[in-house]
């Protein structure tokens, strides 16, 4: 499904639009005999839910899309419920999940940039850009995006997986970390791996990227080969790490996440090269 991004909605929108409505980070869903759906309505106000001013996102397969924040304390109509966005990754079309993530990021940015970060004046929406303007000092604030590297380190028949205390019980994942000021992506990968597990890597290969709206990351995914060193976890971000045979992996992140994509790509590649 092709998505065409836009900021200003066209006049005279007719028919139903897709509404990505969020309350405290959870997405409003509708349950009927077809299963769980993202609401499609002519006007969100028809639901009688208290909400803030909508943000236009653009069109998905020709259908208009909006993001909207549900006000606290609002009652939901029958058959509507709130869903954790991470779970949505395995339940809907990838294009819908990506767009839901975009909506969540825009709403989070709108909520956290109501005042100018330079002088504290209430901001105003830009006329045609996704931006906030300060009427006093003229400062412009755009949605924040935090680049984050994520890497699967491999050693032939084995892959390096680690876990933090925040993970679900028994789940292991690839290594990841935020890019620091003045770093290239490649520098960040080498630094994060050495900081978190104490080893050195080589033969770094870019694979893919994924927006990750928790709250506003852009995950840049790599494969890398083990070069030297022994695993030594930092005990802060990582509590456990080990080499796992490709045919005996622990619980890993769900499909739809870039971490799982990196793992699956290596397993497929390893199977082809055997």
Protein backbone atom coordinates (compact mmCIF):
# COMPACT_ATOMS: atom_id res chain seq x y z
CA UNK A 1 0.00 0.00 0.00
CA UNK A 2 1.48 3.31 -1.10
CA UNK A 3 1.65 6.07 1.49
CA UNK A 4 1.95 9.72 0.39
CA UNK A 5 2.89 12.00 3.27
CA UNK A 6 1.35 15.45 3.67
CA UNK A 7 0.84 18.07 6.37
CA UNK A 8 -2.07 20.21 5.18
CA UNK A 9 -5.32 18.33 4.47
CA UNK A 10 -7.11 19.09 1.22
CA UNK A 11 -10.44 20.88 1.46
CA UNK A 12 -13.65 18.94 1.11
CA UNK A 13 -12.48 15.49 2.18
CA UNK A 14 -15.23 12.99 1.47
CA UNK A 15 -15.74 9.43 2.67
CA UNK A 16 -14.08 7.66 5.55
CA UNK A 17 -10.57 8.43 6.77
CA UNK A 18 -8.25 6.21 8.81
CA UNK A 19 -7.92 7.53 12.36
CA UNK A 20 -4.83 6.72 14.40
CA UNK A 21 -6.06 7.79 17.84
CA UNK A 22 -3.79 7.42 20.86
CA UNK A 23 -4.30 7.58 24.60
CA UNK A 24 -1.12 7.43 26.72
CA UNK A 25 0.75 5.67 23.93
CA UNK A 26 -1.94 3.09 23.20
CA UNK A 27 -3.81 2.94 19.90
CA UNK A 28 -7.59 2.97 19.65
CA UNK A 29 -8.89 -0.17 17.91
CA UNK A 30 -12.31 -1.45 16.87
CA UNK A 31 -13.45 -5.05 17.31
CA UNK A 32 -16.12 -6.62 15.09
CA UNK A 33 -16.80 -9.91 13.32
CA UNK A 34 -13.86 -9.23 10.97
CA UNK A 35 -11.44 -8.96 13.88
CA UNK A 36 -9.45 -6.01 15.22
CA UNK A 37 -9.38 -2.92 13.01
CA UNK A 38 -8.06 0.63 13.07
CA UNK A 39 -11.13 2.94 13.04
CA UNK A 40 -12.27 4.34 9.71
CA UNK A 41 -14.71 7.24 10.05
CA UNK A 42 -15.81 10.37 8.24
CA UNK A 43 -15.27 12.41 11.43
CA UNK A 44 -13.61 11.29 14.64
CA UNK A 45 -16.01 13.49 16.59
CA UNK A 46 -18.78 11.03 15.62
CA UNK A 47 -17.49 8.70 18.33
CA UNK A 48 -18.20 11.24 21.06
CA UNK A 49 -14.66 10.87 22.44
CA UNK A 50 -13.00 14.00 23.79
CA UNK A 51 -9.87 14.67 21.73
CA UNK A 52 -7.35 17.30 20.69
CA UNK A 53 -6.97 18.87 17.25
CA UNK A 54 -6.15 16.18 14.65
CA UNK A 55 -2.96 16.10 12.61
CA UNK A 56 -3.18 15.22 8.93
CA UNK A 57 -0.73 12.49 7.86
CA UNK A 58 -1.42 12.05 4.14
CA UNK A 59 -2.99 9.21 2.16
CA UNK A 60 -2.58 5.44 2.34
CA UNK A 61 -3.70 3.73 -0.87
CA UNK A 62 -5.69 6.90 -1.62
CA UNK A 63 -7.42 7.02 1.77
CA UNK A 64 -6.87 10.06 4.01
CA UNK A 65 -5.20 9.45 7.37
CA UNK A 66 -5.20 11.45 10.60
CA UNK A 67 -3.52 11.24 14.00
CA UNK A 68 -5.36 12.40 17.10
CA UNK A 69 -4.79 12.40 20.85
CA UNK A 70 -7.62 11.19 23.09
CA UNK A 71 -8.07 13.35 26.17
CA UNK A 72 -7.61 11.71 29.60
CA UNK A 73 -10.76 10.37 31.22
CA UNK A 74 -12.62 9.79 27.95
CA UNK A 75 -15.07 6.88 27.82
CA UNK A 76 -14.77 4.57 24.84
CA UNK A 77 -17.82 3.40 22.89
CA UNK A 78 -18.76 -0.27 22.80
CA UNK A 79 -16.44 -2.47 20.71
CA UNK A 80 -13.58 0.05 20.97
CA UNK A 81 -10.48 -0.64 23.05
CA UNK A 82 -6.86 0.47 23.46
CA UNK A 83 -3.99 -1.64 22.12
CA UNK A 84 -0.27 -1.54 22.88
CA UNK A 85 1.47 -0.48 19.68
CA UNK A 86 4.23 -3.10 19.98
CA UNK A 87 1.64 -5.88 19.78
CA UNK A 88 0.18 -4.31 16.66
CA UNK A 89 3.37 -5.09 14.72
CA UNK A 90 2.36 -8.75 14.35
CA UNK A 91 -1.38 -8.13 13.86
CA UNK A 92 -1.71 -5.70 10.95
CA UNK A 93 -0.20 -4.94 7.56
CA UNK A 94 3.37 -3.54 7.94
CA UNK A 95 2.31 -0.33 6.17
CA UNK A 96 -0.39 0.26 8.79
CA UNK A 97 2.04 -0.40 11.64
CA UNK A 98 4.57 2.03 10.15
CA UNK A 99 1.89 4.67 9.77
CA UNK A 100 0.62 4.09 13.31
CA UNK A 101 4.20 4.63 14.49
CA UNK A 102 4.43 7.85 12.50
CA UNK A 103 1.18 9.04 14.07
CA UNK A 104 2.40 8.23 17.59
CA UNK A 105 5.66 10.11 17.03
CA UNK A 106 3.89 13.19 15.67
CA UNK A 107 1.47 13.27 18.61
CA UNK A 108 4.29 12.82 21.11
CA UNK A 109 6.23 15.66 19.46
CA UNK A 110 3.12 17.88 19.45
CA UNK A 111 2.61 17.26 23.17
CA UNK A 112 6.24 17.90 24.18
CA UNK A 113 6.80 21.00 22.02
CA UNK A 114 3.94 23.21 23.09
CA UNK A 115 6.47 25.77 24.33
CA UNK A 116 9.58 27.20 22.72
CA UNK A 117 12.71 25.45 24.02
CA UNK A 118 14.66 28.69 23.63
CA UNK A 119 12.45 31.28 25.36
CA UNK A 120 9.43 29.41 26.77
CA UNK A 121 6.74 31.14 24.68
CA UNK A 122 3.75 29.00 23.59
CA UNK A 123 4.42 27.75 20.05
CA UNK A 124 2.22 27.93 16.96
CA UNK A 125 1.77 25.38 14.20
CA UNK A 126 3.65 26.10 10.97
CA UNK A 127 1.38 26.92 8.02
CA UNK A 128 2.65 24.15 5.72
CA UNK A 129 5.56 22.29 7.42
CA UNK A 130 5.52 19.73 10.23
CA UNK A 131 6.98 22.27 12.63
CA UNK A 132 6.27 24.55 15.60
CA UNK A 133 7.07 28.27 15.41
CA UNK A 134 7.84 30.61 18.28
CA UNK A 135 6.04 33.94 17.70
CA UNK A 136 8.45 35.71 20.05
CA UNK A 137 11.98 34.66 19.06
CA UNK A 138 11.25 33.00 15.72
CA UNK A 139 12.76 29.62 16.67
CA UNK A 140 11.42 26.65 14.66
CA UNK A 141 11.10 23.19 16.20
CA UNK A 142 10.76 20.11 14.02
CA UNK A 143 9.86 16.56 15.11
CA UNK A 144 12.76 14.95 16.89
CA UNK A 145 14.29 11.77 15.46
CA UNK A 146 16.94 9.90 17.46
CA UNK A 147 19.24 7.68 15.33
CA UNK A 148 19.97 4.35 16.97
CA UNK A 149 22.17 1.55 15.64
CA UNK A 150 21.23 -2.11 16.06
CA UNK A 151 23.57 -4.95 15.15
CA UNK A 152 23.68 -8.73 15.00
CA UNK A 153 27.21 -9.93 15.70
CA UNK A 154 27.98 -13.37 14.26
CA UNK A 155 30.75 -15.95 14.63
CA UNK A 156 30.14 -18.53 11.94
CA UNK A 157 27.63 -21.01 13.37
CA UNK A 158 26.88 -18.73 16.34
CA UNK A 159 25.14 -15.39 16.91
CA UNK A 160 25.64 -13.03 19.82
CA UNK A 161 22.41 -12.23 21.67
CA UNK A 162 21.96 -10.31 24.90
CA UNK A 163 19.23 -9.24 27.29
CA UNK A 164 18.55 -6.31 29.58
CA UNK A 165 16.51 -6.34 32.77
CA UNK A 166 13.61 -4.64 30.93
CA UNK A 167 13.11 -7.53 28.51
CA UNK A 168 10.33 -10.08 28.96
CA UNK A 169 11.50 -13.21 30.82
CA UNK A 170 13.74 -15.41 28.69
CA UNK A 171 13.96 -13.04 25.72
CA UNK A 172 17.30 -12.17 24.10
CA UNK A 173 17.93 -9.65 21.34
CA UNK A 174 20.58 -7.97 19.23
CA UNK A 175 22.76 -5.15 20.56
CA UNK A 176 21.63 -1.56 20.11
CA UNK A 177 22.41 1.96 21.22
CA UNK A 178 21.97 5.63 20.38
CA UNK A 179 24.36 7.52 18.13
CA UNK A 180 26.28 10.21 20.00
CA UNK A 181 27.04 13.74 18.73
CA UNK A 182 29.97 13.76 16.31
CA UNK A 183 29.79 10.02 15.56
CA UNK A 184 29.28 8.22 12.29
CA UNK A 185 26.92 5.27 12.34
CA UNK A 186 29.87 2.92 11.97
CA UNK A 187 31.68 4.47 14.92
CA UNK A 188 28.54 4.08 17.02
CA UNK A 189 28.25 0.36 16.19
CA UNK A 190 31.86 -0.38 17.20
CA UNK A 191 31.57 1.70 20.39
CA UNK A 192 28.25 0.23 21.53
CA UNK A 193 29.37 -3.36 21.02
CA UNK A 194 32.60 -2.82 22.93
CA UNK A 195 30.85 -0.91 25.73
CA UNK A 196 28.03 -3.41 26.19
CA UNK A 197 29.78 -6.76 25.76
CA UNK A 198 33.52 -5.99 25.60
CA UNK A 199 34.36 -7.46 22.17
CA UNK A 200 35.63 -6.06 18.89
CA UNK A 201 33.92 -6.54 15.55
CA UNK A 202 34.81 -6.36 11.86
CA UNK A 203 33.20 -6.55 8.39
CA UNK A 204 30.28 -4.27 9.22
CA UNK A 205 27.37 -4.48 6.70
CA UNK A 206 24.29 -2.29 6.57
CA UNK A 207 21.02 -4.20 6.06
CA UNK A 208 17.95 -2.05 6.71
CA UNK A 209 16.36 0.65 8.84
CA UNK A 210 13.09 0.94 10.74
CA UNK A 211 11.31 3.83 12.45
CA UNK A 212 10.67 2.79 16.05
CA UNK A 213 8.22 5.14 17.78
CA UNK A 214 9.20 4.48 21.41
CA UNK A 215 9.30 7.37 21.50
CA UNK A 216 11.11 8.64 18.35
CA UNK A 217 13.97 6.38 17.27
CA UNK A 218 15.23 5.49 13.81
CA UNK A 219 16.82 2.05 14.03
CA UNK A 220 19.70 1.48 11.57
CA UNK A 221 20.42 -2.24 11.27
CA UNK A 222 23.74 -4.01 10.63
CA UNK A 223 25.41 -7.40 10.54
CA UNK A 224 28.98 -7.64 11.85
CA UNK A 225 31.55 -10.41 12.29
CA UNK A 226 33.29 -11.18 15.56
CA UNK A 227 36.95 -10.05 15.57
CA UNK A 228 38.38 -10.55 19.07
CA UNK A 229 37.81 -10.46 22.80
CA UNK A 230 35.75 -12.27 25.41
CA UNK A 231 32.18 -11.38 26.37
CA UNK A 232 32.15 -9.02 29.33
CA UNK A 233 28.72 -7.46 29.95
CA UNK A 234 28.54 -3.92 31.27
CA UNK A 235 26.04 -4.87 34.00
CA UNK A 236 24.05 -1.70 33.36
CA UNK A 237 22.38 -1.87 29.95
CA UNK A 238 23.17 -5.57 29.50
CA UNK A 239 22.74 -8.18 32.23
CA UNK A 240 23.46 -11.30 30.20
CA UNK A 241 24.98 -12.10 26.79
CA UNK A 242 26.17 -15.27 25.09
CA UNK A 243 26.92 -16.98 21.81
CA UNK A 244 23.97 -19.05 20.58
CA UNK A 245 24.06 -21.78 17.89
CA UNK A 246 21.81 -20.85 14.98
CA UNK A 247 19.77 -24.04 15.47
CA UNK A 248 19.22 -23.46 19.19
CA UNK A 249 18.21 -19.84 19.73
CA UNK A 250 16.44 -18.51 22.82
CA UNK A 251 13.22 -16.49 22.69
CA UNK A 252 13.81 -13.53 20.35
CA UNK A 253 11.83 -10.34 19.53
CA UNK A 254 8.63 -10.79 17.48
CA UNK A 255 8.36 -10.55 13.73
CA UNK A 256 7.89 -6.96 12.64
CA UNK A 257 10.87 -5.74 14.67
CA UNK A 258 14.17 -4.98 12.98
CA UNK A 259 15.98 -7.09 15.57
CA UNK A 260 14.06 -10.17 14.45
CA UNK A 261 14.66 -9.19 10.81
CA UNK A 262 18.44 -9.12 11.37
CA UNK A 263 18.33 -12.53 13.04
CA UNK A 264 16.11 -14.11 10.38
CA UNK A 265 18.24 -12.70 7.56
CA UNK A 266 21.35 -14.34 8.99
CA UNK A 267 19.57 -17.65 9.55
CA UNK A 268 18.38 -17.62 5.92
CA UNK A 269 21.86 -16.68 4.69
CA UNK A 270 23.49 -19.36 6.82
CA UNK A 271 21.08 -22.02 5.54
CA UNK A 272 21.81 -21.08 1.90
CA UNK A 273 25.58 -21.23 2.40
CA UNK A 274 25.64 -24.66 4.07
